[in-house]
Amino acid sequence: AFSEKARLQVPTKDRVLKVIMSNRKKVLLMGKSGSGKTSMRSIIFADYLARDTHRLQATIDVEYSSVQFLGNLHLHLWDCGGQETFYMQYMTTMRDRIFSSVELLVYVFDIADEMDMGRFNDVVEALDQHSRDAQVFVLLHKMDLVAEDVRTQVFRDREAHILNACRSYQGLTVRCFPSSIWDETLYRAWSQIVYCLVPNTKLLEENLGEFCRICGADEVVLFESTTFLVIAHCEEKRDGVEAHADVHRFEKISNIVKQFKLSCRKAQAQFDGMMVQNSLFTAFFNLFTSNTCIMVIVSDPRVEAEAIQLNVEAARAHFDSLIPQSTAMG
């Protein structure tokens, strides 16, 4: 059975304050008006259903929101309206305020529109000037509007164009993702975005790997309990067993479980977890720590469901100690 093997040192007051400040992350969300920025933010962080996003109004100026993520990690989202008037203000009178102290930029292109590379280059230049260490994520959005048989090629062509435009900025990290509010690609993109902001991910994955081995599981996945974004994952490699063919499987599960949780809420029922079992595997999905959910996949028929549940219970306190809690900010 899983047991806690180490105890964390009690941090000093100065250390706690330093951690609190380091866990406040400024995230810019930019792109032309109508590109889908506010819709994706509302789905991921405000529990909107994709079909309800048509009710959202165009963003005026900058909408600020603070999202508590994994305890005391605070994402300060600056959703910047994409109308030309506001864009000119961002580049001139508001330049220092907008682009200073940025941890990460999410720039959204509507795949159905012609790419305004002039505006994108201006944004990257301003970011390089004021927040040189910031990471850049570019989402090529509304990919559902592209025919499926050419979707991959269209994305690769646009991605190459974007990366080529950024070559002159030394040290700038740019990653591109296809996305759509109608499928799991939105969760995959945002899981990658928040992953780079979460502290201790390597330590989490090392401990998750040990937990996976002790349980005799095939895979273990850790989700943030509000957004259901994937924050850590491990897979037990076995001889003769091929890697899973569906690289989007966790994001599909994120989407499905979040929709199910919202349905439970509408029915005034509380979602605590579920178990799915067939002749090939057993999948457990449970609330885990105070701000995570865990999924355990087991294909070995000798592993009893009760044993998995006991190990999840035994590991809860240990994993809670690995993720800084919001109570530390008191």
Protein backbone atom coordinates (compact mmCIF):
# COMPACT_ATOMS: atom_id res chain seq x y z
CA ALA A 1 0.00 0.00 0.00
CA PHE A 2 1.06 3.57 -0.63
CA SER A 3 2.51 5.43 2.35
CA GLU A 4 4.01 8.89 2.82
CA LYS A 5 7.81 8.61 2.69
CA ALA A 6 8.90 12.15 3.40
CA ARG A 7 7.77 15.19 5.34
CA LEU A 8 8.10 18.74 4.08
CA GLN A 9 10.02 21.31 6.09
CA VAL A 10 7.94 24.08 7.65
CA PRO A 11 8.57 27.21 5.52
CA THR A 12 9.52 30.56 7.07
CA LYS A 13 7.22 33.59 6.75
CA ASP A 14 9.54 35.17 4.15
CA ARG A 15 9.54 31.94 2.17
CA VAL A 16 5.74 31.75 2.25
CA LEU A 17 5.46 35.35 0.99
CA LYS A 18 7.97 34.62 -1.76
CA VAL A 19 6.01 31.56 -2.86
CA ILE A 20 2.74 33.53 -2.81
CA MET A 21 4.17 36.25 -5.03
CA SER A 22 5.77 33.72 -7.39
CA ASN A 23 2.40 31.96 -7.76
CA ARG A 24 0.67 35.05 -9.14
CA LYS A 25 0.85 34.66 -12.91
CA LYS A 26 -0.19 37.34 -15.40
CA VAL A 27 -1.63 35.78 -18.56
CA LEU A 28 -2.49 37.89 -21.62
CA LEU A 29 -5.27 36.67 -23.92
CA MET A 30 -5.07 38.52 -27.23
CA GLY A 31 -6.24 38.29 -30.83
CA LYS A 32 -8.64 40.01 -33.23
CA SER A 33 -12.24 40.66 -32.23
CA GLY A 34 -14.41 37.60 -32.84
CA SER A 35 -11.52 35.12 -32.80
CA GLY A 36 -13.05 33.23 -29.84
CA LYS A 37 -10.89 34.38 -26.90
CA THR A 38 -13.70 35.04 -24.44
CA SER A 39 -15.60 31.90 -25.44
CA MET A 40 -12.66 29.62 -24.67
CA ARG A 41 -11.94 31.43 -21.40
CA SER A 42 -15.57 31.03 -20.36
CA ILE A 43 -15.62 27.31 -21.16
CA ILE A 44 -12.38 26.52 -19.35
CA PHE A 45 -12.67 28.80 -16.32
CA ALA A 46 -16.36 29.74 -15.97
CA ASP A 47 -18.13 26.42 -16.69
CA TYR A 48 -19.85 27.58 -19.88
CA LEU A 49 -21.11 24.97 -22.31
CA ALA A 50 -19.95 25.48 -25.90
CA ARG A 51 -23.54 25.91 -27.09
CA ASP A 52 -24.05 28.79 -24.63
CA THR A 53 -21.10 30.92 -25.72
CA HIS A 54 -23.18 32.65 -28.42
CA ARG A 55 -24.65 34.75 -25.60
CA LEU A 56 -21.28 36.32 -24.79
CA GLN A 57 -20.73 39.91 -25.85
CA ALA A 58 -17.60 41.28 -27.49
CA THR A 59 -14.92 42.23 -24.96
CA ILE A 60 -14.67 45.98 -24.35
CA ASP A 61 -11.17 47.22 -23.54
CA VAL A 62 -9.63 44.69 -21.07
CA GLU A 63 -11.57 42.25 -18.92
CA TYR A 64 -9.64 41.22 -15.81
CA SER A 65 -10.28 37.99 -13.93
CA SER A 66 -8.34 36.18 -11.23
CA VAL A 67 -8.62 32.40 -11.33
CA GLN A 68 -7.50 30.31 -8.37
CA PHE A 69 -5.88 27.20 -9.77
CA LEU A 70 -4.43 24.33 -7.72
CA GLY A 71 -4.68 26.00 -4.35
CA ASN A 72 -2.61 29.19 -4.27
CA LEU A 73 -1.67 29.47 -7.94
CA HIS A 74 -3.51 32.58 -9.12
CA LEU A 75 -3.87 33.17 -12.85
CA HIS A 76 -4.50 36.85 -13.55
CA LEU A 77 -6.19 36.70 -16.95
CA TRP A 78 -6.18 39.87 -19.03
CA ASP A 79 -8.70 39.29 -21.82
CA CYS A 80 -7.87 42.09 -24.25
CA GLY A 81 -10.59 43.26 -26.62
CA GLY A 82 -9.51 42.82 -30.23
CA GLN A 83 -11.15 45.85 -31.86
CA GLU A 84 -8.74 48.12 -33.74
CA THR A 85 -9.33 51.08 -31.40
CA PHE A 86 -8.31 49.06 -28.33
CA TYR A 87 -5.39 47.46 -30.13
CA MET A 88 -3.93 50.89 -30.92
CA GLN A 89 -4.20 51.83 -27.24
CA TYR A 90 -2.41 48.63 -26.21
CA MET A 91 0.46 49.51 -28.52
CA THR A 92 0.75 53.15 -27.38
CA THR A 93 -0.70 54.65 -24.19
CA MET A 94 -1.29 51.30 -22.46
CA ARG A 95 1.84 49.54 -23.73
CA ASP A 96 3.78 49.42 -20.45
CA ARG A 97 0.74 48.42 -18.42
CA ILE A 98 -0.35 45.65 -20.78
CA PHE A 99 2.98 44.02 -21.57
CA SER A 100 4.93 44.37 -18.30
CA SER A 101 5.34 41.41 -15.92
CA VAL A 102 3.68 38.95 -18.28
CA GLU A 103 4.26 35.27 -17.58
CA LEU A 104 2.50 33.98 -20.66
CA LEU A 105 0.76 35.23 -23.80
CA VAL A 106 -2.07 33.30 -25.43
CA TYR A 107 -2.64 34.69 -28.93
CA VAL A 108 -5.71 33.47 -30.82
CA PHE A 109 -6.10 33.37 -34.61
CA ASP A 110 -9.47 32.61 -36.19
CA ILE A 111 -8.52 29.94 -38.73
CA ALA A 112 -11.30 31.13 -41.06
CA ASP A 113 -9.85 34.65 -41.27
CA GLU A 114 -6.77 35.91 -43.04
CA MET A 115 -3.92 36.00 -40.54
CA ASP A 116 -3.03 39.54 -39.47
CA MET A 117 0.68 38.92 -38.99
CA GLY A 118 1.40 42.65 -38.68
CA ARG A 119 -0.64 42.86 -35.49
CA PHE A 120 0.82 39.61 -34.15
CA ASN A 121 4.38 40.83 -34.79
CA ASP A 122 3.61 44.09 -32.96
CA VAL A 123 2.36 42.16 -29.94
CA VAL A 124 5.38 39.85 -29.86
CA GLU A 125 7.74 42.81 -30.20
CA ALA A 126 6.07 44.60 -27.27
CA LEU A 127 6.21 41.42 -25.21
CA ASP A 128 9.88 40.93 -26.02
CA GLN A 129 10.55 44.50 -24.93
CA HIS A 130 8.69 44.38 -21.59
CA SER A 131 8.55 40.67 -20.60
CA ARG A 132 11.40 38.95 -22.39
CA ASP A 133 11.04 35.68 -20.46
CA ALA A 134 7.34 35.29 -21.23
CA GLN A 135 6.19 32.20 -23.10
CA VAL A 136 3.92 32.45 -26.14
CA PHE A 137 1.13 30.05 -27.02
CA VAL A 138 -0.64 30.54 -30.34
CA LEU A 139 -4.04 28.90 -30.77
CA LEU A 140 -5.30 28.42 -34.30
CA HIS A 141 -8.93 28.44 -33.31
CA LYS A 142 -12.24 27.26 -34.85
CA MET A 143 -10.49 24.36 -36.55
CA ASP A 144 -13.87 22.65 -36.80
CA LEU A 145 -14.56 25.00 -39.75
CA VAL A 146 -11.76 23.35 -41.74
CA ALA A 147 -12.49 20.14 -43.66
CA GLU A 148 -11.16 17.22 -41.66
CA ASP A 149 -9.10 15.75 -44.51
CA VAL A 150 -6.99 18.94 -44.83
CA ARG A 151 -7.11 20.09 -41.18
CA THR A 152 -3.64 18.84 -40.26
CA GLN A 153 -1.99 20.37 -43.31
CA VAL A 154 -3.72 23.72 -42.84
CA PHE A 155 -2.55 23.81 -39.23
CA ARG A 156 1.04 22.92 -40.15
CA ASP A 157 1.18 25.60 -42.85
CA ARG A 158 -0.08 28.29 -40.46
CA GLU A 159 2.21 27.06 -37.69
CA ALA A 160 5.27 27.26 -39.98
CA HIS A 161 4.30 30.81 -40.94
CA ILE A 162 4.01 31.86 -37.29
CA LEU A 163 7.26 30.22 -36.17
CA ASN A 164 9.13 31.74 -39.09
CA ALA A 165 7.85 35.20 -38.12
CA CYS A 166 9.22 34.71 -34.58
CA ARG A 167 12.69 33.53 -35.55
CA SER A 168 14.28 36.93 -35.02
CA TYR A 169 13.38 36.93 -31.30
CA GLN A 170 16.17 35.02 -29.60
CA GLY A 171 15.12 32.91 -26.66
CA LEU A 172 11.40 33.35 -27.33
CA THR A 173 9.44 30.14 -26.74
CA VAL A 174 6.48 29.84 -29.14
CA ARG A 175 4.15 26.85 -29.30
CA CYS A 176 1.14 26.46 -31.59
CA PHE A 177 -1.99 24.37 -31.05
CA PRO A 178 -5.15 23.73 -33.07
CA SER A 179 -8.32 24.31 -31.06
CA SER A 180 -12.09 24.31 -31.19
CA ILE A 181 -14.74 24.79 -28.52
CA TRP A 182 -16.59 21.80 -29.98
CA ASP A 183 -14.04 19.09 -29.23
CA GLU A 184 -11.20 18.05 -26.92
CA THR A 185 -8.53 20.16 -28.68
CA LEU A 186 -9.45 23.16 -26.51
CA TYR A 187 -8.67 21.17 -23.35
CA ARG A 188 -5.45 19.84 -24.82
CA ALA A 189 -4.21 23.33 -25.64
CA TRP A 190 -5.11 24.81 -22.26
CA SER A 191 -3.71 21.80 -20.37
CA GLN A 192 -0.36 22.53 -22.02
CA ILE A 193 -0.72 26.23 -21.19
CA VAL A 194 -1.35 25.76 -17.47
CA TYR A 195 1.18 22.92 -17.23
CA CYS A 196 4.04 25.35 -17.76
CA LEU A 197 2.70 27.55 -14.93
CA VAL A 198 2.21 24.84 -12.31
CA PRO A 199 5.08 24.48 -9.80
CA ASN A 200 6.48 21.06 -8.87
CA THR A 201 5.20 19.28 -11.99
CA LYS A 202 8.31 17.10 -12.16
CA LEU A 203 7.97 16.15 -8.49
CA LEU A 204 4.27 15.46 -8.99
CA GLU A 205 4.95 13.18 -11.94
CA GLU A 206 7.71 11.31 -10.11
CA ASN A 207 5.37 10.62 -7.20
CA LEU A 208 2.53 9.78 -9.58
CA GLY A 209 4.81 7.25 -11.28
CA GLU A 210 5.59 5.59 -7.96
CA PHE A 211 1.89 5.51 -7.11
CA CYS A 212 1.12 3.97 -10.51
CA ARG A 213 3.71 1.21 -9.93
CA ILE A 214 2.49 0.42 -6.40
CA CYS A 215 -1.13 0.19 -7.57
CA GLY A 216 -0.29 -2.07 -10.51
CA ALA A 217 -2.01 0.46 -12.76
CA ASP A 218 -1.46 1.06 -16.46
CA GLU A 219 -1.93 4.82 -16.28
CA VAL A 220 -2.63 7.49 -13.69
CA VAL A 221 -3.75 11.02 -14.56
CA LEU A 222 -4.11 14.05 -12.29
CA PHE A 223 -6.73 16.68 -13.18
CA GLU A 224 -7.35 20.10 -11.64
CA SER A 225 -10.75 19.68 -10.01
CA THR A 226 -12.44 22.91 -11.22
CA THR A 227 -11.34 23.10 -14.85
CA PHE A 228 -10.54 19.36 -15.29
CA LEU A 229 -7.37 20.31 -17.15
CA VAL A 230 -4.63 17.66 -17.09
CA ILE A 231 -1.72 18.70 -14.86
CA ALA A 232 0.27 15.46 -14.56
CA HIS A 233 0.28 12.00 -16.08
CA CYS A 234 2.28 8.80 -15.90
CA GLU A 235 2.13 5.54 -17.79
CA GLU A 236 3.61 2.20 -16.74
CA LYS A 237 5.59 0.80 -19.67
CA ARG A 238 5.12 -2.92 -20.16
CA ASP A 239 6.97 -5.25 -22.53
CA GLY A 240 4.94 -6.13 -25.61
CA VAL A 241 2.30 -3.49 -24.93
CA GLU A 242 2.07 -0.71 -27.49
CA ALA A 243 1.52 2.93 -26.51
CA HIS A 244 -2.09 4.06 -26.66
CA ALA A 245 -3.02 5.25 -30.14
CA ASP A 246 -5.28 8.11 -29.04
CA VAL A 247 -3.07 10.99 -27.89
CA HIS A 248 -6.16 13.10 -27.10
CA ARG A 249 -7.79 10.57 -24.76
CA PHE A 250 -7.22 12.53 -21.54
CA GLU A 251 -8.59 15.75 -22.99
CA LYS A 252 -11.65 13.84 -24.24
CA ILE A 253 -12.14 12.56 -20.70
CA SER A 254 -11.69 16.12 -19.34
CA ASN A 255 -14.46 17.30 -21.64
CA ILE A 256 -16.82 14.39 -20.89
CA VAL A 257 -16.38 14.45 -17.11
CA LYS A 258 -16.73 18.22 -16.89
CA GLN A 259 -19.98 18.10 -18.86
CA PHE A 260 -21.22 15.30 -16.60
CA LYS A 261 -20.29 17.31 -13.50
CA LEU A 262 -22.21 20.33 -14.82
CA SER A 263 -25.22 18.09 -15.49
CA CYS A 264 -25.01 16.82 -11.89
CA ARG A 265 -24.95 20.41 -10.66
CA LYS A 266 -28.08 21.28 -12.64
CA ALA A 267 -29.78 18.26 -11.07
CA GLN A 268 -28.60 19.47 -7.63
CA ALA A 269 -26.48 16.33 -7.23
CA GLN A 270 -22.87 16.25 -6.08
CA PHE A 271 -20.22 14.58 -8.23
CA ASP A 272 -17.63 12.65 -6.16
CA GLY A 273 -16.35 10.13 -8.67
CA MET A 274 -17.17 7.16 -10.87
CA MET A 275 -15.95 3.72 -11.84
CA VAL A 276 -16.20 2.27 -15.36
CA GLN A 277 -15.50 -1.43 -15.85
CA ASN A 278 -15.52 -3.81 -18.80
CA SER A 279 -13.70 -6.97 -19.88
CA LEU A 280 -10.53 -5.04 -20.81
CA PHE A 281 -9.98 -2.55 -18.00
CA THR A 282 -11.31 -0.79 -14.94
CA ALA A 283 -11.19 3.01 -14.76
CA PHE A 284 -11.51 4.91 -11.49
CA PHE A 285 -12.22 8.63 -11.40
CA ASN A 286 -12.25 10.16 -7.91
CA LEU A 287 -11.88 13.44 -6.11
CA PHE A 288 -8.34 13.26 -4.76
CA THR A 289 -6.69 16.18 -2.99
CA SER A 290 -8.47 19.42 -2.07
CA ASN A 291 -8.01 20.71 -5.63
CA THR A 292 -7.37 17.68 -7.85
CA CYS A 293 -9.13 14.61 -9.23
CA ILE A 294 -7.34 11.39 -10.07
CA MET A 295 -7.99 8.79 -12.75
CA VAL A 296 -6.50 5.30 -12.39
CA ILE A 297 -6.62 2.83 -15.30
CA VAL A 298 -6.04 -0.87 -14.51
CA SER A 299 -6.11 -3.74 -17.00
CA ASP A 300 -4.74 -6.48 -14.71
CA PRO A 301 -7.79 -8.51 -13.56
CA ARG A 302 -5.90 -9.57 -10.42
CA VAL A 303 -5.99 -6.01 -9.07
CA GLU A 304 -9.08 -5.59 -6.92
CA ALA A 305 -11.13 -2.43 -7.13
CA GLU A 306 -11.13 -2.12 -3.35
CA ALA A 307 -7.32 -2.16 -3.31
CA ILE A 308 -7.18 0.77 -5.74
CA GLN A 309 -9.64 2.74 -3.63
CA LEU A 310 -7.60 2.07 -0.48
CA ASN A 311 -4.40 3.23 -2.18
CA VAL A 312 -6.10 6.40 -3.40
CA GLU A 313 -7.22 7.13 0.17
CA ALA A 314 -3.74 6.38 1.58
CA ALA A 315 -1.97 8.60 -0.97
CA ARG A 316 -4.28 11.60 -0.60
CA ALA A 317 -2.45 13.34 2.29
CA HIS A 318 0.95 12.85 0.68
CA PHE A 319 -0.11 14.42 -2.64
CA ASP A 320 -1.89 17.21 -0.80
CA SER A 321 1.49 18.15 0.68
CA LEU A 322 3.08 18.37 -2.78
CA ILE A 323 0.65 21.03 -3.99
CA PRO A 324 0.79 24.39 -2.17
CA GLN A 325 -2.57 25.12 -0.56
CA SER A 326 -4.56 28.32 -0.60
CA THR A 327 -4.56 28.28 3.22
CA ALA A 328 -0.84 29.06 3.15
CA MET A 329 -1.77 32.58 2.07
CA GLY A 330 -3.70 33.35 5.27
